[in-house]
């Protein structure tokens, strides 16, 4: 497994594209709340991606995101399980904000085709 410095120096490719995601959170009483939305990818590398999101997942949270395929010739996206490594709030005025969210790829979710 590469150390943090190797990951930071890995090649990142700019990639501005909407990415659907699904977050789950444990609510009161042990219930699980699911929320879906779209993030905007900023860049991608072999180990992860940077997303611009309306909601801020917690650090180390694992969630699903539909990410672009690693093969450049393929136009379809694939579902990946990612782990949040860090978040940064970006204020957009007095009442709203967005978040930069750095994620590490854990694995691809097998296709159901």
Protein backbone atom coordinates (compact mmCIF):
# COMPACT_ATOMS: atom_id res chain seq x y z
CA UNK A 1 0.00 0.00 0.00
CA UNK A 2 1.52 3.37 -0.98
CA UNK A 3 2.28 5.81 1.80
CA UNK A 4 0.62 9.22 2.02
CA UNK A 5 3.39 11.06 0.13
CA UNK A 6 3.26 8.58 -2.77
CA UNK A 7 -0.52 9.00 -3.01
CA UNK A 8 -0.23 12.79 -3.00
CA UNK A 9 2.32 12.72 -5.80
CA UNK A 10 0.32 10.31 -7.96
CA UNK A 11 -0.91 11.75 -11.24
CA UNK A 12 -4.26 13.47 -10.98
CA UNK A 13 -6.28 14.10 -14.10
CA UNK A 14 -8.75 16.99 -14.24
CA UNK A 15 -12.25 15.61 -14.63
CA UNK A 16 -15.29 17.86 -14.30
CA UNK A 17 -18.31 15.58 -14.40
CA UNK A 18 -21.50 15.03 -12.35
CA UNK A 19 -21.31 11.89 -10.21
CA UNK A 20 -24.40 10.42 -8.52
CA UNK A 21 -23.79 9.20 -4.97
CA UNK A 22 -25.62 7.48 -2.12
CA UNK A 23 -24.81 8.16 1.54
CA UNK A 24 -26.11 6.22 4.52
CA UNK A 25 -26.12 7.44 8.12
CA UNK A 26 -27.22 5.78 11.32
CA UNK A 27 -30.08 7.79 12.81
CA UNK A 28 -31.70 7.65 16.22
CA UNK A 29 -33.09 4.28 17.24
CA UNK A 30 -30.68 2.40 14.99
CA UNK A 31 -32.51 3.42 11.80
CA UNK A 32 -30.46 3.99 8.68
CA UNK A 33 -31.12 7.13 6.65
CA UNK A 34 -30.23 7.05 2.95
CA UNK A 35 -29.61 10.21 0.99
CA UNK A 36 -28.84 10.49 -2.69
CA UNK A 37 -27.52 13.37 -4.72
CA UNK A 38 -25.03 14.53 -7.27
CA UNK A 39 -21.48 15.63 -6.64
CA UNK A 40 -19.18 17.25 -9.17
CA UNK A 41 -15.88 15.50 -9.69
CA UNK A 42 -12.89 17.85 -9.83
CA UNK A 43 -10.06 15.41 -10.47
CA UNK A 44 -9.31 11.70 -10.38
CA UNK A 45 -6.26 9.49 -9.87
CA UNK A 46 -5.69 5.76 -9.71
CA UNK A 47 -6.29 5.87 -5.95
CA UNK A 48 -9.18 8.28 -5.51
CA UNK A 49 -11.03 11.40 -6.54
CA UNK A 50 -11.88 14.90 -5.39
CA UNK A 51 -15.59 15.77 -5.24
CA UNK A 52 -17.45 19.05 -4.81
CA UNK A 53 -20.56 18.25 -2.73
CA UNK A 54 -23.51 20.06 -1.17
CA UNK A 55 -23.47 17.90 1.98
CA UNK A 56 -20.41 17.08 4.03
CA UNK A 57 -19.91 13.40 4.76
CA UNK A 58 -17.94 12.68 7.90
CA UNK A 59 -14.28 11.78 7.73
CA UNK A 60 -13.72 8.03 7.17
CA UNK A 61 -17.35 7.61 6.04
CA UNK A 62 -17.75 5.03 3.29
CA UNK A 63 -20.26 5.60 0.50
CA UNK A 64 -21.08 4.69 -3.09
CA UNK A 65 -20.36 6.98 -6.01
CA UNK A 66 -20.85 6.47 -9.75
CA UNK A 67 -17.40 7.38 -11.05
CA UNK A 68 -16.01 7.51 -14.57
CA UNK A 69 -14.43 4.30 -15.79
CA UNK A 70 -10.66 4.10 -15.56
CA UNK A 71 -10.46 3.07 -19.22
CA UNK A 72 -10.46 6.25 -21.30
CA UNK A 73 -12.22 4.61 -24.23
CA UNK A 74 -15.23 3.69 -22.11
CA UNK A 75 -17.89 6.36 -21.67
CA UNK A 76 -19.88 4.62 -18.94
CA UNK A 77 -19.42 5.08 -15.23
CA UNK A 78 -19.02 2.39 -12.62
CA UNK A 79 -20.09 2.21 -8.99
CA UNK A 80 -17.19 2.52 -6.57
CA UNK A 81 -17.06 2.35 -2.84
CA UNK A 82 -15.03 5.29 -1.51
CA UNK A 83 -13.77 6.38 1.89
CA UNK A 84 -13.74 10.06 2.84
CA UNK A 85 -10.20 11.12 3.75
CA UNK A 86 -10.85 14.84 4.32
CA UNK A 87 -13.41 17.61 3.79
CA UNK A 88 -13.11 21.39 3.42
CA UNK A 89 -16.08 23.74 3.68
CA UNK A 90 -16.38 26.39 0.95
CA UNK A 91 -18.68 29.27 2.07
CA UNK A 92 -21.01 30.54 -0.67
CA UNK A 93 -22.64 33.46 1.09
CA UNK A 94 -24.34 33.88 4.42
CA UNK A 95 -26.64 30.85 4.38
CA UNK A 96 -25.04 28.23 2.18
CA UNK A 97 -21.84 26.35 1.59
CA UNK A 98 -20.39 23.51 -0.47
CA UNK A 99 -17.65 21.06 0.43
CA UNK A 100 -14.52 19.74 -1.21
CA UNK A 101 -14.30 16.05 -0.32
CA UNK A 102 -11.14 14.00 -0.87
CA UNK A 103 -11.92 10.30 -1.31
CA UNK A 104 -9.92 7.10 -1.55
CA UNK A 105 -11.20 4.28 -3.76
CA UNK A 106 -11.83 1.08 -1.78
CA UNK A 107 -13.17 -1.14 -4.57
CA UNK A 108 -15.60 -1.34 -7.47
CA UNK A 109 -19.06 -2.70 -6.82
CA UNK A 110 -19.67 -5.65 -9.20
CA UNK A 111 -22.02 -4.90 -12.07
CA UNK A 112 -25.43 -6.55 -12.04
CA UNK A 113 -25.46 -7.04 -15.82
